[in-house]
N, C-alpha and C. Protein backbone atom coordinates (compact mmCIF):
# COMPACT_ATOMS: atom_id res chain seq x y z
N MET A 1 -25.58 -6.82 -14.45
CA MET A 1 -25.03 -7.77 -13.62
C MET A 1 -23.73 -7.44 -13.25
N ALA A 2 -23.13 -7.53 -12.09
CA ALA A 2 -21.89 -7.11 -11.62
C ALA A 2 -20.81 -8.23 -12.26
N GLU A 3 -19.67 -7.53 -12.56
CA GLU A 3 -18.62 -8.29 -13.15
C GLU A 3 -18.00 -9.21 -11.97
N ARG A 4 -17.74 -10.61 -12.22
CA ARG A 4 -17.09 -11.46 -11.34
C ARG A 4 -15.63 -11.05 -11.20
N VAL A 5 -15.10 -11.13 -10.00
CA VAL A 5 -13.71 -10.73 -9.79
C VAL A 5 -12.89 -12.08 -9.97
N GLU A 6 -12.00 -12.15 -11.00
CA GLU A 6 -11.13 -13.29 -11.06
C GLU A 6 -9.96 -12.99 -10.67
N ILE A 7 -9.33 -13.87 -9.60
CA ILE A 7 -8.12 -13.62 -9.09
C ILE A 7 -6.94 -13.63 -10.02
N ASP A 8 -7.00 -14.50 -10.89
CA ASP A 8 -5.97 -14.71 -11.95
C ASP A 8 -5.99 -13.76 -13.07
N THR A 9 -6.86 -12.82 -12.98
CA THR A 9 -6.89 -11.88 -14.36
C THR A 9 -5.85 -10.94 -14.27
N GLU A 10 -5.56 -10.16 -15.36
CA GLU A 10 -4.52 -9.21 -15.55
C GLU A 10 -4.67 -8.04 -14.75
N TRP A 11 -3.79 -7.82 -13.91
CA TRP A 11 -3.76 -6.68 -12.85
C TRP A 11 -2.66 -5.66 -13.35
N ASN A 12 -3.07 -4.32 -13.27
CA ASN A 12 -1.89 -3.35 -13.37
C ASN A 12 -1.22 -3.47 -11.93
N ARG A 13 0.13 -3.66 -12.02
CA ARG A 13 0.95 -3.82 -10.76
C ARG A 13 1.64 -2.46 -10.43
N VAL A 14 2.05 -2.34 -9.18
CA VAL A 14 2.86 -1.27 -8.84
C VAL A 14 4.31 -1.59 -9.21
N SER A 15 5.01 -0.52 -9.05
CA SER A 15 6.49 -0.55 -9.50
C SER A 15 7.26 -1.64 -8.63
N PRO A 16 8.24 -2.33 -9.24
CA PRO A 16 9.04 -3.18 -8.43
C PRO A 16 9.89 -2.41 -7.43
N ARG A 17 10.27 -1.09 -7.68
CA ARG A 17 10.98 -0.37 -6.84
C ARG A 17 10.17 -0.09 -5.46
N TYR A 18 8.93 -0.40 -5.69
CA TYR A 18 8.16 -0.22 -4.20
C TYR A 18 8.66 -1.12 -3.15
N VAL A 19 9.43 -2.22 -3.54
CA VAL A 19 9.88 -3.20 -2.50
C VAL A 19 10.86 -2.28 -1.62
N TRP A 20 11.64 -1.30 -2.20
CA TRP A 20 12.60 -0.68 -1.33
C TRP A 20 11.89 0.25 -0.41
N ILE A 21 10.76 0.80 -0.59
CA ILE A 21 9.96 1.59 0.32
C ILE A 21 9.58 0.82 1.48
N VAL A 22 9.14 -0.57 1.17
CA VAL A 22 8.62 -1.47 2.26
C VAL A 22 9.92 -1.93 3.18
N VAL A 23 11.01 -2.16 2.49
CA VAL A 23 12.36 -2.45 3.02
C VAL A 23 12.80 -1.37 4.00
N VAL A 24 12.67 -0.16 3.52
CA VAL A 24 13.28 0.99 4.30
C VAL A 24 12.30 1.17 5.51
N GLY A 25 11.10 1.14 5.29
CA GLY A 25 10.10 1.32 6.32
C GLY A 25 10.17 0.20 7.46
N SER A 26 10.55 -1.09 7.01
CA SER A 26 10.74 -1.99 7.91
C SER A 26 12.14 -2.03 8.63
N LEU A 27 12.99 -1.52 7.93
CA LEU A 27 14.37 -1.35 8.60
C LEU A 27 14.28 -0.27 9.78
N ILE A 28 13.45 0.76 9.53
CA ILE A 28 13.34 1.89 10.44
C ILE A 28 12.67 1.16 11.68
N ALA A 29 11.49 0.67 11.39
CA ALA A 29 10.75 0.01 12.56
C ALA A 29 11.51 -0.90 13.14
N GLY A 30 12.30 -1.85 12.64
CA GLY A 30 13.11 -2.83 13.13
C GLY A 30 14.26 -2.40 13.95
N VAL A 31 14.86 -1.18 13.56
CA VAL A 31 15.93 -0.57 14.38
C VAL A 31 15.40 0.05 15.60
N VAL A 32 14.10 0.70 15.61
CA VAL A 32 13.55 1.36 16.74
C VAL A 32 13.19 0.28 17.78
N LEU A 33 12.48 -0.75 17.13
CA LEU A 33 12.09 -1.80 18.00
C LEU A 33 13.19 -2.60 18.72
N ALA A 34 14.36 -2.74 17.98
CA ALA A 34 15.48 -3.42 18.48
C ALA A 34 16.21 -2.54 19.62
N ALA A 35 16.23 -1.28 19.35
CA ALA A 35 16.82 -0.41 20.28
C ALA A 35 15.85 -0.47 21.60
N ALA A 36 14.65 -0.47 21.50
CA ALA A 36 13.78 -0.64 22.60
C ALA A 36 13.93 -1.91 23.38
N ALA A 37 14.11 -2.94 22.59
CA ALA A 37 14.43 -4.25 23.21
C ALA A 37 15.72 -4.31 23.85
N VAL A 38 16.68 -3.73 23.35
CA VAL A 38 17.98 -3.62 24.03
C VAL A 38 17.93 -2.90 25.29
N PHE A 39 17.17 -1.86 25.22
CA PHE A 39 17.13 -0.97 26.52
C PHE A 39 16.33 -1.65 27.52
N VAL A 40 15.26 -2.44 27.14
CA VAL A 40 14.53 -3.31 28.11
C VAL A 40 15.55 -4.39 28.58
N TRP A 41 16.34 -4.89 27.80
CA TRP A 41 17.22 -6.03 28.25
C TRP A 41 18.40 -5.50 29.15
N LEU A 42 19.22 -4.57 28.71
CA LEU A 42 20.26 -4.00 29.44
C LEU A 42 20.13 -2.78 30.36
N GLY A 43 19.25 -1.81 29.92
CA GLY A 43 18.98 -0.53 30.66
C GLY A 43 18.14 -0.87 31.73
N VAL A 44 16.97 -1.71 31.74
CA VAL A 44 16.10 -1.94 32.76
C VAL A 44 16.51 -3.21 33.56
N GLY A 45 17.22 -4.01 32.91
CA GLY A 45 17.79 -5.25 33.51
C GLY A 45 16.73 -6.40 33.63
N VAL A 46 15.76 -6.47 32.59
CA VAL A 46 14.78 -7.56 32.56
C VAL A 46 15.48 -8.79 31.89
N SER A 47 15.28 -9.82 32.67
CA SER A 47 16.09 -11.08 32.17
C SER A 47 15.58 -11.65 30.78
N TRP A 48 14.35 -11.45 30.55
CA TRP A 48 13.88 -12.02 29.34
C TRP A 48 14.13 -11.02 27.97
N GLY A 49 14.81 -10.00 28.29
CA GLY A 49 14.94 -8.89 27.35
C GLY A 49 15.69 -9.55 26.05
N TRP A 50 16.42 -10.47 26.21
CA TRP A 50 17.22 -11.14 25.15
C TRP A 50 16.18 -11.86 24.10
N ALA A 51 15.04 -12.46 24.72
CA ALA A 51 14.09 -13.06 23.91
C ALA A 51 13.21 -11.94 23.09
N LEU A 52 13.05 -10.92 23.80
CA LEU A 52 12.41 -9.78 23.09
C LEU A 52 13.17 -9.35 21.89
N LEU A 53 14.55 -9.09 22.04
CA LEU A 53 15.37 -8.77 21.02
C LEU A 53 15.41 -9.90 19.97
N ALA A 54 15.41 -10.96 20.24
CA ALA A 54 15.42 -12.10 19.11
C ALA A 54 14.22 -12.14 18.42
N ALA A 55 13.01 -11.89 19.10
CA ALA A 55 11.81 -11.97 18.45
C ALA A 55 11.68 -10.75 17.50
N VAL A 56 12.18 -9.60 17.82
CA VAL A 56 12.37 -8.44 16.95
C VAL A 56 13.13 -8.82 15.74
N VAL A 57 14.14 -9.33 15.90
CA VAL A 57 15.17 -9.80 14.72
C VAL A 57 14.43 -10.67 13.95
N VAL A 58 13.80 -11.82 14.37
CA VAL A 58 13.05 -12.73 13.61
C VAL A 58 12.02 -12.10 12.85
N GLY A 59 11.31 -11.34 13.52
CA GLY A 59 10.12 -10.54 12.76
C GLY A 59 10.69 -9.66 11.68
N PHE A 60 11.83 -8.95 11.89
CA PHE A 60 12.25 -8.23 10.80
C PHE A 60 12.82 -8.95 9.69
N ALA A 61 13.45 -10.02 9.92
CA ALA A 61 13.86 -10.86 8.82
C ALA A 61 12.77 -11.42 8.05
N LEU A 62 11.67 -11.93 8.79
CA LEU A 62 10.41 -12.22 7.88
C LEU A 62 9.96 -11.18 7.11
N GLN A 63 9.74 -9.94 7.66
CA GLN A 63 9.44 -8.74 6.94
C GLN A 63 10.11 -8.67 5.77
N LEU A 64 11.53 -8.75 5.70
CA LEU A 64 12.31 -8.54 4.61
C LEU A 64 12.20 -9.66 3.65
N ILE A 65 11.90 -10.92 4.06
CA ILE A 65 11.72 -12.05 3.17
C ILE A 65 10.37 -11.93 2.42
N PHE A 66 9.25 -11.42 3.01
CA PHE A 66 8.03 -11.31 2.48
C PHE A 66 7.87 -9.97 1.64
N ALA A 67 8.79 -9.03 1.76
CA ALA A 67 8.46 -7.71 1.22
C ALA A 67 8.27 -7.79 -0.26
N PRO A 68 9.13 -8.48 -0.90
CA PRO A 68 8.84 -8.38 -2.46
C PRO A 68 7.62 -8.99 -2.87
N ARG A 69 7.04 -10.19 -2.19
CA ARG A 69 5.90 -10.73 -2.63
C ARG A 69 4.71 -9.86 -2.17
N ARG A 70 4.84 -9.14 -1.02
CA ARG A 70 3.82 -8.23 -0.59
C ARG A 70 3.68 -7.00 -1.69
N ALA A 71 4.77 -6.60 -2.21
CA ALA A 71 4.74 -5.54 -3.22
C ALA A 71 3.99 -6.10 -4.54
N ARG A 72 4.44 -7.37 -4.95
CA ARG A 72 3.86 -7.96 -6.12
C ARG A 72 2.42 -8.14 -5.93
N ALA A 73 1.98 -8.28 -4.81
CA ALA A 73 0.50 -8.69 -4.66
C ALA A 73 -0.45 -7.47 -4.69
N ILE A 74 0.01 -6.15 -4.83
CA ILE A 74 -0.68 -5.11 -5.08
C ILE A 74 -0.93 -4.83 -6.47
N GLY A 75 -2.29 -4.52 -6.72
CA GLY A 75 -2.70 -4.29 -8.06
C GLY A 75 -3.84 -3.69 -8.19
N TYR A 76 -4.35 -3.26 -9.39
CA TYR A 76 -5.56 -2.51 -9.62
C TYR A 76 -5.95 -2.70 -11.04
N ARG A 77 -7.44 -2.67 -11.28
CA ARG A 77 -7.93 -2.96 -12.60
C ARG A 77 -9.01 -1.84 -12.71
N MET A 78 -9.08 -1.22 -13.82
CA MET A 78 -10.13 -0.28 -14.10
C MET A 78 -11.18 -1.10 -14.86
N ARG A 79 -12.43 -1.07 -14.25
CA ARG A 79 -13.65 -1.86 -14.80
C ARG A 79 -14.63 -0.73 -15.33
N GLU A 80 -15.66 -1.26 -15.79
CA GLU A 80 -16.60 -0.18 -16.50
C GLU A 80 -17.04 0.88 -15.49
N ASP A 81 -17.41 0.43 -14.38
CA ASP A 81 -18.10 1.19 -13.35
C ASP A 81 -17.31 1.56 -12.12
N ASP A 82 -16.13 0.99 -11.99
CA ASP A 82 -15.38 1.03 -10.75
C ASP A 82 -13.94 0.67 -10.93
N LEU A 83 -13.11 1.12 -9.99
CA LEU A 83 -11.76 0.80 -9.91
C LEU A 83 -11.62 -0.24 -8.86
N LEU A 84 -10.99 -1.37 -9.19
CA LEU A 84 -10.83 -2.51 -8.26
C LEU A 84 -9.40 -2.55 -7.72
N ILE A 85 -9.16 -2.70 -6.35
CA ILE A 85 -7.77 -2.52 -5.92
C ILE A 85 -7.65 -3.86 -5.02
N ARG A 86 -6.42 -4.55 -5.37
CA ARG A 86 -6.18 -5.82 -4.69
C ARG A 86 -4.86 -5.69 -3.90
N ARG A 87 -4.93 -6.36 -2.66
CA ARG A 87 -3.74 -6.34 -1.98
C ARG A 87 -3.71 -7.59 -0.96
N GLY A 88 -2.59 -8.01 -0.52
CA GLY A 88 -2.48 -9.10 0.42
C GLY A 88 -2.01 -10.37 -0.11
N ILE A 89 -1.41 -11.22 0.76
CA ILE A 89 -0.90 -12.56 0.31
C ILE A 89 -1.72 -13.57 1.00
N ALA A 90 -1.80 -13.68 2.25
CA ALA A 90 -2.51 -14.72 2.97
C ALA A 90 -4.02 -14.26 3.11
N PHE A 91 -4.18 -13.00 3.28
CA PHE A 91 -5.48 -12.39 3.57
C PHE A 91 -5.69 -11.57 2.36
N LEU A 92 -6.33 -11.90 1.29
CA LEU A 92 -6.63 -11.10 0.08
C LEU A 92 -7.69 -10.07 0.36
N ARG A 93 -7.46 -8.84 -0.07
CA ARG A 93 -8.46 -7.75 0.23
C ARG A 93 -8.67 -7.13 -1.27
N PHE A 94 -10.01 -7.09 -1.57
CA PHE A 94 -10.32 -6.51 -2.83
C PHE A 94 -11.25 -5.33 -2.36
N VAL A 95 -10.97 -4.10 -2.96
CA VAL A 95 -11.78 -2.94 -2.73
C VAL A 95 -12.26 -2.40 -4.01
N ALA A 96 -13.65 -2.22 -4.26
CA ALA A 96 -14.05 -1.63 -5.42
C ALA A 96 -14.50 -0.10 -5.10
N VAL A 97 -13.93 0.82 -5.76
CA VAL A 97 -14.33 2.20 -5.64
C VAL A 97 -15.02 2.51 -6.83
N PRO A 98 -16.35 2.86 -6.72
CA PRO A 98 -17.12 3.36 -7.89
C PRO A 98 -16.62 4.72 -8.35
N TYR A 99 -16.46 4.88 -9.63
CA TYR A 99 -16.10 6.24 -10.12
C TYR A 99 -16.96 7.37 -9.61
N GLY A 100 -18.23 7.16 -9.61
CA GLY A 100 -19.21 8.24 -9.28
C GLY A 100 -19.03 8.59 -7.63
N ARG A 101 -18.50 7.86 -6.87
CA ARG A 101 -18.30 8.10 -5.43
C ARG A 101 -17.03 8.75 -5.14
N MET A 102 -16.08 8.85 -6.15
CA MET A 102 -14.74 9.42 -5.90
C MET A 102 -14.88 10.99 -5.82
N GLN A 103 -14.39 11.46 -4.55
CA GLN A 103 -14.57 12.83 -4.36
C GLN A 103 -13.19 13.67 -4.37
N LEU A 104 -12.11 12.90 -3.94
CA LEU A 104 -10.86 13.43 -4.05
C LEU A 104 -9.74 12.36 -4.45
N ILE A 105 -8.89 12.69 -5.24
CA ILE A 105 -7.88 11.76 -5.63
C ILE A 105 -6.53 12.50 -5.38
N ASP A 106 -5.77 11.98 -4.56
CA ASP A 106 -4.60 12.71 -3.86
C ASP A 106 -3.28 12.01 -4.27
N ILE A 107 -2.32 12.65 -4.81
CA ILE A 107 -0.87 12.09 -4.98
C ILE A 107 -0.06 12.55 -3.85
N SER A 108 0.55 11.62 -3.10
CA SER A 108 1.46 11.95 -2.11
C SER A 108 2.86 11.14 -2.37
N ARG A 109 3.94 11.86 -2.09
CA ARG A 109 5.30 11.40 -2.24
C ARG A 109 6.14 11.66 -0.99
N GLY A 110 6.64 10.49 -0.32
CA GLY A 110 7.50 10.83 0.84
C GLY A 110 8.82 10.93 0.14
N PRO A 111 9.82 11.18 1.21
CA PRO A 111 11.19 11.22 0.67
C PRO A 111 11.80 10.20 0.06
N VAL A 112 11.45 8.79 0.42
CA VAL A 112 12.01 7.69 -0.10
C VAL A 112 11.34 7.51 -1.43
N SER A 113 10.07 7.68 -1.48
CA SER A 113 9.33 7.55 -2.82
C SER A 113 9.68 8.50 -3.66
N ARG A 114 10.09 9.89 -3.33
CA ARG A 114 10.61 10.93 -4.28
C ARG A 114 11.98 10.40 -4.90
N ALA A 115 12.74 9.82 -4.06
CA ALA A 115 14.07 9.44 -4.56
C ALA A 115 14.02 8.41 -5.47
N LEU A 116 12.91 7.48 -5.42
CA LEU A 116 12.79 6.36 -6.43
C LEU A 116 11.76 6.62 -7.47
N GLY A 117 11.22 7.98 -7.38
CA GLY A 117 10.32 8.26 -8.64
C GLY A 117 9.01 7.69 -8.32
N LEU A 118 8.55 7.33 -7.24
CA LEU A 118 7.31 6.76 -6.98
C LEU A 118 6.33 7.61 -6.29
N SER A 119 5.04 7.32 -6.43
CA SER A 119 3.95 8.01 -5.92
C SER A 119 2.84 7.14 -5.23
N ASP A 120 2.16 7.67 -4.24
CA ASP A 120 0.95 6.83 -3.76
C ASP A 120 -0.27 7.56 -4.18
N LEU A 121 -1.32 6.93 -4.72
CA LEU A 121 -2.42 7.56 -5.19
C LEU A 121 -3.54 7.28 -4.01
N ARG A 122 -4.13 8.15 -3.48
CA ARG A 122 -5.08 8.07 -2.32
C ARG A 122 -6.33 8.57 -2.83
N PHE A 123 -7.56 7.89 -2.36
CA PHE A 123 -8.80 8.22 -2.69
C PHE A 123 -9.59 8.53 -1.56
N VAL A 124 -10.42 9.71 -1.67
CA VAL A 124 -11.38 9.96 -0.67
C VAL A 124 -12.68 9.87 -1.37
N THR A 125 -13.40 9.04 -0.71
CA THR A 125 -14.83 8.71 -1.23
C THR A 125 -15.95 9.34 -0.45
N ALA A 126 -17.21 9.01 -1.07
CA ALA A 126 -18.41 9.49 -0.22
C ALA A 126 -18.58 8.70 1.11
N SER A 127 -17.91 7.54 1.27
CA SER A 127 -17.85 6.89 2.52
C SER A 127 -16.94 7.37 3.39
N SER A 128 -17.38 7.37 4.68
CA SER A 128 -16.63 8.02 5.75
C SER A 128 -15.52 7.13 6.30
N GLY A 129 -15.61 5.97 6.03
CA GLY A 129 -14.61 4.87 6.53
C GLY A 129 -13.69 4.40 5.39
N SER A 130 -13.66 5.16 4.23
CA SER A 130 -12.79 4.69 3.14
C SER A 130 -11.38 5.21 3.46
N ASP A 131 -10.36 4.18 3.29
CA ASP A 131 -8.87 4.54 3.27
C ASP A 131 -8.34 3.63 2.26
N VAL A 132 -8.41 4.05 0.96
CA VAL A 132 -8.19 3.50 -0.26
C VAL A 132 -6.95 4.15 -0.93
N ALA A 133 -5.84 3.24 -1.15
CA ALA A 133 -4.73 3.87 -1.73
C ALA A 133 -4.07 2.78 -2.86
N ILE A 134 -3.41 3.26 -3.76
CA ILE A 134 -2.42 2.44 -4.53
C ILE A 134 -1.03 2.91 -4.57
N PRO A 135 -0.34 2.26 -3.73
CA PRO A 135 1.04 2.71 -3.33
C PRO A 135 2.06 2.40 -4.44
N GLY A 136 3.22 3.06 -4.60
CA GLY A 136 4.23 2.58 -5.46
C GLY A 136 4.04 2.70 -7.03
N LEU A 137 3.43 3.74 -7.34
CA LEU A 137 3.02 3.90 -8.81
C LEU A 137 4.30 4.82 -9.28
N PRO A 138 4.73 4.65 -10.40
CA PRO A 138 5.74 5.65 -11.10
C PRO A 138 4.85 6.90 -11.15
N ALA A 139 5.68 8.12 -10.94
CA ALA A 139 4.97 9.28 -10.81
C ALA A 139 4.18 9.77 -12.05
N ASP A 140 4.77 9.54 -13.24
CA ASP A 140 3.97 9.88 -14.46
C ASP A 140 2.82 9.08 -14.58
N GLU A 141 2.82 7.75 -14.14
CA GLU A 141 1.65 6.86 -14.31
C GLU A 141 0.66 7.27 -13.22
N ALA A 142 1.06 7.74 -12.01
CA ALA A 142 0.25 8.15 -11.07
C ALA A 142 -0.60 9.41 -11.40
N GLU A 143 -0.01 10.28 -12.10
CA GLU A 143 -0.58 11.59 -12.63
C GLU A 143 -1.55 11.25 -13.65
N ALA A 144 -1.12 10.47 -14.65
CA ALA A 144 -1.99 10.04 -15.80
C ALA A 144 -3.28 9.30 -15.20
N LEU A 145 -3.13 8.44 -14.33
CA LEU A 145 -4.26 7.65 -13.64
C LEU A 145 -5.19 8.52 -12.95
N ARG A 146 -4.59 9.44 -12.17
CA ARG A 146 -5.39 10.51 -11.45
C ARG A 146 -6.28 11.19 -12.48
N ASP A 147 -5.73 11.68 -13.54
CA ASP A 147 -6.37 12.51 -14.38
C ASP A 147 -7.69 11.72 -15.11
N ARG A 148 -7.21 10.53 -15.43
CA ARG A 148 -8.15 9.69 -16.04
C ARG A 148 -9.51 9.31 -15.05
N LEU A 149 -9.02 9.14 -13.77
CA LEU A 149 -10.04 8.81 -12.81
C LEU A 149 -10.99 10.08 -12.43
N ILE A 150 -10.31 11.25 -12.42
CA ILE A 150 -11.15 12.44 -12.31
C ILE A 150 -12.12 12.63 -13.39
N ALA A 151 -11.61 12.42 -14.59
CA ALA A 151 -12.54 12.52 -15.87
C ALA A 151 -13.70 11.49 -15.69
N LEU A 152 -13.34 10.29 -15.30
CA LEU A 152 -14.55 9.28 -15.12
C LEU A 152 -15.37 9.58 -13.99
N ALA A 153 -14.89 10.17 -12.79
CA ALA A 153 -15.73 10.52 -11.77
C ALA A 153 -16.72 11.62 -12.11
N GLU A 154 -16.11 12.59 -12.82
CA GLU A 154 -17.04 13.82 -13.20
C GLU A 154 -18.26 13.36 -14.10
N THR A 155 -18.00 12.45 -15.02
CA THR A 155 -18.91 11.93 -15.89
C THR A 155 -19.97 11.11 -15.06
N ARG A 156 -19.58 10.35 -14.16
CA ARG A 156 -20.43 9.47 -13.50
C ARG A 156 -21.25 10.33 -12.46
N ARG A 157 -20.62 11.44 -11.90
CA ARG A 157 -21.41 12.23 -11.00
C ARG A 157 -22.52 12.98 -11.65
N ALA A 158 -22.24 13.20 -12.93
CA ALA A 158 -23.13 14.22 -13.77
C ALA A 158 -24.57 13.74 -13.58
N GLY A 159 -24.66 12.22 -13.60
CA GLY A 159 -26.07 11.68 -13.59
C GLY A 159 -26.57 11.61 -12.11
N LEU A 160 -26.03 11.99 -11.23
CA LEU A 160 -26.59 11.92 -9.82
C LEU A 160 -27.65 13.05 -9.54
């Protein structure tokens, strides 16, 4: 029988430094959107451009307020037959990735991630529509988890 997912169980969390990656990404998007709003307002001469700029600033402020909580909401648990990944605040998302269905486990590091010593662990599964990742793991933890998952995936696929 399948194990029931308890929301308040112990989860392995991503690094608290992952918040900086979310903040930098939000900052870049906010600056680009603010520049576009200023161009619409002053360059094109649209009278409601100031409202667009205000909406961008408010949206960016909300992004920054919720960034730490969003980062703390990401977690994973290794269960007997699968890896369970959780994310989201208002809309919780749980993804169970069976070990036997894992085909590729990729570690990626962007420039900000590298500077903070973090990695993203991405999974390619037998499903064509899977986009599963655990972002913000310390680099050594990501490599150890990848190796462990590869070993588990090989033993589970052997029975197929």
